[in-house]
Amino acid sequence: MRVTLKDPANGILDFPRALRRFALQRSPPAADLEPWINCYWVVTWDLPEGQVHEQTNLSHSSVNAAIEPGGAFIYGVPGKVFVRRIAGRGRVFGTKFRPEGFFPFMEDRCGD
């Protein structure tokens, strides 16, 4: 479902400006995954040549797994704020886990 200004910003600073630079969709997980996954999200953008957008976000106490043009990545809690830079045309698909929801998916959790 495409996010609009009526939806929660969820840590996206300057939300109205952000939604003019990129489109954001959030979808709930299947019911059996709700204990671990908060939502799936997709960000798409198509900026004019030479234009760059730097998006500042507030960090959440959760892990995100993202598939981006450069590969697949796991992002932990980066700090109070973090900035992502986008240019040209692109798309990212992500899974936002609930706090501690990624823990069951980690191998060797305690060094055992």
N, C-alpha and C. Protein backbone atom coordinates (compact mmCIF):
# COMPACT_ATOMS: atom_id res chain seq x y z
N MET A 1 0.84 -1.17 0.00
CA MET A 1 0.00 0.00 0.00
C MET A 1 0.89 1.24 0.00
N ARG A 2 0.67 2.13 -0.94
CA ARG A 2 1.49 3.34 -1.05
C ARG A 2 1.27 4.25 0.14
N VAL A 3 2.35 4.75 0.70
CA VAL A 3 2.31 5.63 1.86
C VAL A 3 2.01 7.05 1.41
N THR A 4 1.13 7.74 2.15
CA THR A 4 0.80 9.13 1.88
C THR A 4 1.08 9.95 3.14
N LEU A 5 0.86 11.24 3.06
CA LEU A 5 1.08 12.11 4.22
C LEU A 5 0.14 11.78 5.37
N LYS A 6 -0.93 11.05 5.11
CA LYS A 6 -1.85 10.65 6.18
C LYS A 6 -1.31 9.49 7.00
N ASP A 7 -0.30 8.79 6.47
CA ASP A 7 0.29 7.65 7.16
C ASP A 7 1.39 8.11 8.12
N PRO A 8 1.75 7.27 9.09
CA PRO A 8 2.83 7.65 10.01
C PRO A 8 4.16 7.78 9.28
N ALA A 9 4.95 8.75 9.67
CA ALA A 9 6.26 8.97 9.05
C ALA A 9 7.25 7.88 9.44
N ASN A 10 7.07 7.27 10.60
CA ASN A 10 7.96 6.19 11.08
C ASN A 10 9.43 6.56 10.99
N GLY A 11 9.77 7.74 11.43
CA GLY A 11 11.18 8.14 11.50
C GLY A 11 11.71 8.84 10.27
N ILE A 12 10.91 9.00 9.23
CA ILE A 12 11.36 9.71 8.03
C ILE A 12 11.22 11.20 8.30
N LEU A 13 12.34 11.90 8.41
CA LEU A 13 12.29 13.33 8.70
C LEU A 13 11.94 14.11 7.44
N ASP A 14 11.29 15.26 7.62
CA ASP A 14 10.78 16.09 6.53
C ASP A 14 9.96 15.23 5.57
N PHE A 15 8.99 14.54 6.16
CA PHE A 15 8.16 13.57 5.46
C PHE A 15 7.51 14.11 4.18
N PRO A 16 6.91 15.31 4.19
CA PRO A 16 6.29 15.82 2.95
C PRO A 16 7.31 15.96 1.81
N ARG A 17 8.48 16.48 2.10
CA ARG A 17 9.52 16.62 1.06
C ARG A 17 9.98 15.26 0.59
N ALA A 18 10.14 14.32 1.52
CA ALA A 18 10.60 12.98 1.17
C ALA A 18 9.66 12.32 0.16
N LEU A 19 8.37 12.42 0.41
CA LEU A 19 7.40 11.76 -0.48
C LEU A 19 7.30 12.43 -1.84
N ARG A 20 7.90 13.61 -1.99
CA ARG A 20 8.00 14.22 -3.32
C ARG A 20 9.22 13.70 -4.08
N ARG A 21 10.17 13.10 -3.37
CA ARG A 21 11.42 12.60 -3.98
C ARG A 21 11.38 11.10 -4.27
N PHE A 22 10.61 10.38 -3.46
CA PHE A 22 10.52 8.93 -3.67
C PHE A 22 9.15 8.44 -3.24
N ALA A 23 8.80 7.26 -3.73
CA ALA A 23 7.54 6.61 -3.34
C ALA A 23 7.88 5.51 -2.34
N LEU A 24 7.04 5.38 -1.32
CA LEU A 24 7.22 4.38 -0.29
C LEU A 24 5.96 3.55 -0.19
N GLN A 25 6.12 2.24 -0.17
CA GLN A 25 5.00 1.33 0.05
C GLN A 25 5.33 0.47 1.26
N ARG A 26 4.33 0.24 2.10
CA ARG A 26 4.48 -0.66 3.24
C ARG A 26 3.37 -1.71 3.17
N SER A 27 3.75 -2.95 3.47
CA SER A 27 2.78 -4.05 3.46
C SER A 27 2.96 -4.88 4.72
N PRO A 28 1.87 -5.33 5.31
CA PRO A 28 1.98 -6.16 6.51
C PRO A 28 2.45 -7.58 6.14
N PRO A 29 3.07 -8.27 7.10
CA PRO A 29 3.48 -9.65 6.84
C PRO A 29 2.29 -10.60 6.94
N ALA A 30 2.50 -11.82 6.50
CA ALA A 30 1.49 -12.86 6.72
C ALA A 30 1.31 -13.05 8.21
N ALA A 31 0.13 -13.45 8.63
CA ALA A 31 -0.19 -13.57 10.06
C ALA A 31 0.80 -14.44 10.83
N ASP A 32 1.28 -15.52 10.22
CA ASP A 32 2.20 -16.40 10.95
C ASP A 32 3.59 -15.81 11.11
N LEU A 33 3.90 -14.72 10.41
CA LEU A 33 5.21 -14.05 10.55
C LEU A 33 5.15 -12.79 11.42
N GLU A 34 3.95 -12.39 11.83
CA GLU A 34 3.79 -11.17 12.63
C GLU A 34 4.60 -11.14 13.92
N PRO A 35 4.87 -12.27 14.58
CA PRO A 35 5.69 -12.18 15.80
C PRO A 35 7.12 -11.67 15.53
N TRP A 36 7.60 -11.81 14.29
CA TRP A 36 8.97 -11.43 13.96
C TRP A 36 9.07 -10.22 13.04
N ILE A 37 8.12 -10.07 12.12
CA ILE A 37 8.22 -9.04 11.09
C ILE A 37 7.19 -7.94 11.32
N ASN A 38 7.67 -6.69 11.30
CA ASN A 38 6.80 -5.52 11.43
C ASN A 38 6.09 -5.23 10.11
N CYS A 39 6.88 -5.16 9.02
CA CYS A 39 6.31 -4.88 7.70
C CYS A 39 7.35 -5.13 6.61
N TYR A 40 6.86 -5.19 5.39
CA TYR A 40 7.72 -5.16 4.21
C TYR A 40 7.61 -3.74 3.65
N TRP A 41 8.68 -3.25 3.04
CA TRP A 41 8.64 -1.91 2.49
C TRP A 41 9.40 -1.88 1.15
N VAL A 42 8.94 -0.98 0.29
CA VAL A 42 9.57 -0.77 -1.00
C VAL A 42 9.71 0.74 -1.20
N VAL A 43 10.91 1.17 -1.56
CA VAL A 43 11.16 2.56 -1.91
C VAL A 43 11.58 2.60 -3.38
N THR A 44 10.92 3.45 -4.17
CA THR A 44 11.29 3.63 -5.57
C THR A 44 11.51 5.11 -5.83
N TRP A 45 12.42 5.41 -6.74
CA TRP A 45 12.68 6.81 -7.08
C TRP A 45 13.13 6.91 -8.53
N ASP A 46 12.90 8.07 -9.10
CA ASP A 46 13.33 8.38 -10.46
C ASP A 46 13.61 9.88 -10.49
N LEU A 47 14.82 10.24 -10.11
CA LEU A 47 15.21 11.65 -10.01
C LEU A 47 15.85 12.11 -11.32
N PRO A 48 15.66 13.38 -11.68
CA PRO A 48 16.31 13.90 -12.88
C PRO A 48 17.83 13.77 -12.80
N GLU A 49 18.46 13.65 -13.95
CA GLU A 49 19.92 13.51 -14.01
C GLU A 49 20.61 14.64 -13.24
N GLY A 50 21.54 14.27 -12.42
CA GLY A 50 22.30 15.25 -11.64
C GLY A 50 21.66 15.62 -10.31
N GLN A 51 20.41 15.24 -10.09
CA GLN A 51 19.74 15.56 -8.83
C GLN A 51 19.99 14.45 -7.81
N VAL A 52 20.28 14.86 -6.58
CA VAL A 52 20.55 13.92 -5.50
C VAL A 52 19.62 14.26 -4.34
N HIS A 53 19.13 13.25 -3.67
CA HIS A 53 18.30 13.47 -2.49
C HIS A 53 18.96 12.77 -1.31
N GLU A 54 19.18 13.51 -0.23
CA GLU A 54 19.70 12.95 1.00
C GLU A 54 18.57 12.91 2.01
N GLN A 55 18.23 11.71 2.46
CA GLN A 55 17.11 11.52 3.38
C GLN A 55 17.63 11.20 4.77
N THR A 56 17.26 12.03 5.74
CA THR A 56 17.62 11.79 7.13
C THR A 56 16.47 11.05 7.81
N ASN A 57 16.82 10.02 8.56
CA ASN A 57 15.84 9.16 9.21
C ASN A 57 16.23 8.96 10.68
N LEU A 58 15.22 8.81 11.52
CA LEU A 58 15.46 8.44 12.91
C LEU A 58 15.58 6.93 12.99
N SER A 59 16.52 6.47 13.77
CA SER A 59 16.74 5.04 13.91
C SER A 59 15.65 4.40 14.76
N HIS A 60 15.37 3.14 14.49
CA HIS A 60 14.43 2.35 15.27
C HIS A 60 15.20 1.17 15.86
N SER A 61 14.67 0.60 16.91
CA SER A 61 15.34 -0.53 17.56
C SER A 61 14.96 -1.83 16.86
N SER A 62 15.27 -1.90 15.57
CA SER A 62 14.94 -3.09 14.80
C SER A 62 15.97 -3.29 13.70
N VAL A 63 15.96 -4.47 13.14
CA VAL A 63 16.83 -4.83 12.02
C VAL A 63 16.02 -4.75 10.74
N ASN A 64 16.67 -4.29 9.68
CA ASN A 64 16.06 -4.28 8.35
C ASN A 64 16.93 -5.11 7.41
N ALA A 65 16.30 -5.97 6.64
CA ALA A 65 16.99 -6.69 5.57
C ALA A 65 16.54 -6.03 4.28
N ALA A 66 17.50 -5.64 3.43
CA ALA A 66 17.14 -4.91 2.21
C ALA A 66 17.85 -5.49 0.99
N ILE A 67 17.12 -5.53 -0.11
CA ILE A 67 17.68 -5.91 -1.40
C ILE A 67 17.74 -4.63 -2.21
N GLU A 68 18.96 -4.23 -2.54
CA GLU A 68 19.21 -2.96 -3.21
C GLU A 68 19.97 -3.22 -4.51
N PRO A 69 20.10 -2.20 -5.36
CA PRO A 69 20.85 -2.40 -6.61
C PRO A 69 22.27 -2.95 -6.38
N GLY A 70 22.90 -2.60 -5.26
CA GLY A 70 24.26 -3.06 -4.98
C GLY A 70 24.34 -4.41 -4.30
N GLY A 71 23.22 -5.03 -3.95
CA GLY A 71 23.24 -6.33 -3.29
C GLY A 71 22.20 -6.43 -2.19
N ALA A 72 22.32 -7.47 -1.38
CA ALA A 72 21.42 -7.68 -0.25
C ALA A 72 22.18 -7.37 1.03
N PHE A 73 21.53 -6.65 1.95
CA PHE A 73 22.21 -6.18 3.15
C PHE A 73 21.31 -6.34 4.37
N ILE A 74 21.94 -6.53 5.53
CA ILE A 74 21.27 -6.54 6.81
C ILE A 74 21.72 -5.28 7.54
N TYR A 75 20.77 -4.45 7.94
CA TYR A 75 21.07 -3.21 8.65
C TYR A 75 20.60 -3.34 10.10
N GLY A 76 21.49 -3.08 11.03
CA GLY A 76 21.13 -3.07 12.43
C GLY A 76 20.69 -1.69 12.84
N VAL A 77 20.74 -1.42 14.11
CA VAL A 77 20.35 -0.12 14.64
C VAL A 77 21.55 0.80 14.46
N PRO A 78 21.48 1.78 13.53
CA PRO A 78 22.66 2.58 13.20
C PRO A 78 22.99 3.69 14.18
N GLY A 79 22.11 4.10 15.04
CA GLY A 79 22.35 5.23 15.93
C GLY A 79 21.11 6.09 15.99
N LYS A 80 21.25 7.31 16.44
CA LYS A 80 20.08 8.19 16.59
C LYS A 80 19.47 8.57 15.24
N VAL A 81 20.31 8.97 14.30
CA VAL A 81 19.83 9.30 12.95
C VAL A 81 20.79 8.69 11.93
N PHE A 82 20.28 8.49 10.73
CA PHE A 82 21.15 8.05 9.63
C PHE A 82 20.65 8.69 8.35
N VAL A 83 21.54 8.83 7.39
CA VAL A 83 21.22 9.50 6.13
C VAL A 83 21.43 8.52 4.99
N ARG A 84 20.47 8.45 4.08
CA ARG A 84 20.60 7.67 2.86
C ARG A 84 20.58 8.64 1.69
N ARG A 85 21.42 8.38 0.72
CA ARG A 85 21.55 9.24 -0.45
C ARG A 85 21.05 8.46 -1.67
N ILE A 86 20.14 9.08 -2.43
CA ILE A 86 19.64 8.45 -3.65
C ILE A 86 19.83 9.38 -4.82
N ALA A 87 20.03 8.81 -5.99
CA ALA A 87 20.19 9.57 -7.23
C ALA A 87 19.74 8.68 -8.37
N GLY A 88 19.45 9.30 -9.51
CA GLY A 88 19.05 8.53 -10.68
C GLY A 88 17.74 7.79 -10.45
N ARG A 89 17.75 6.54 -10.84
CA ARG A 89 16.54 5.71 -10.74
C ARG A 89 16.89 4.47 -9.94
N GLY A 90 15.99 4.06 -9.04
CA GLY A 90 16.29 2.88 -8.25
C GLY A 90 15.10 2.36 -7.49
N ARG A 91 15.35 1.21 -6.84
CA ARG A 91 14.30 0.54 -6.07
C ARG A 91 14.97 -0.29 -5.00
N VAL A 92 14.37 -0.30 -3.82
CA VAL A 92 14.85 -1.11 -2.71
C VAL A 92 13.65 -1.84 -2.11
N PHE A 93 13.82 -3.13 -1.85
CA PHE A 93 12.81 -3.92 -1.14
C PHE A 93 13.39 -4.27 0.21
N GLY A 94 12.60 -4.08 1.27
CA GLY A 94 13.10 -4.37 2.60
C GLY A 94 12.10 -5.08 3.48
N THR A 95 12.62 -5.70 4.50
CA THR A 95 11.82 -6.31 5.56
C THR A 95 12.24 -5.67 6.86
N LYS A 96 11.29 -5.06 7.55
CA LYS A 96 11.57 -4.47 8.86
C LYS A 96 11.12 -5.46 9.92
N PHE A 97 12.09 -5.95 10.69
CA PHE A 97 11.79 -6.90 11.75
C PHE A 97 11.34 -6.15 13.00
N ARG A 98 10.58 -6.80 13.82
CA ARG A 98 10.20 -6.23 15.12
C ARG A 98 11.44 -6.22 16.01
N PRO A 99 11.45 -5.35 17.05
CA PRO A 99 12.58 -5.39 17.98
C PRO A 99 12.78 -6.84 18.47
N GLU A 100 13.96 -7.32 18.40
CA GLU A 100 14.36 -8.69 18.75
C GLU A 100 13.79 -9.74 17.80
N GLY A 101 13.08 -9.33 16.77
CA GLY A 101 12.48 -10.28 15.84
C GLY A 101 13.47 -10.96 14.91
N PHE A 102 14.65 -10.37 14.74
CA PHE A 102 15.66 -10.97 13.87
C PHE A 102 16.49 -12.02 14.60
N PHE A 103 16.45 -11.99 15.91
CA PHE A 103 17.27 -12.88 16.74
C PHE A 103 17.14 -14.35 16.35
N PRO A 104 15.94 -14.90 16.11
CA PRO A 104 15.84 -16.32 15.75
C PRO A 104 16.50 -16.67 14.42
N PHE A 105 16.77 -15.69 13.57
CA PHE A 105 17.34 -15.95 12.26
C PHE A 105 18.86 -15.89 12.25
N MET A 106 19.45 -15.51 13.35
CA MET A 106 20.91 -15.42 13.44
C MET A 106 21.48 -16.82 13.71
N GLU A 107 22.58 -17.16 13.02
CA GLU A 107 23.30 -18.38 13.33
C GLU A 107 24.09 -18.12 14.60
N ASP A 108 24.73 -18.99 15.15
CA ASP A 108 25.68 -18.82 16.26
C ASP A 108 25.39 -17.61 17.13
N ARG A 109 24.21 -17.56 17.71
CA ARG A 109 23.76 -16.40 18.49
C ARG A 109 24.62 -16.13 19.71
N CYS A 110 25.08 -17.15 20.37
CA CYS A 110 25.79 -16.94 21.63
C CYS A 110 27.20 -17.52 21.60
N GLY A 111 27.70 -17.80 20.42
CA GLY A 111 29.04 -18.36 20.33
C GLY A 111 29.11 -19.82 20.72
N ASP A 112 27.97 -20.52 20.80
CA ASP A 112 27.96 -21.95 21.16
C ASP A 112 28.36 -22.81 19.99
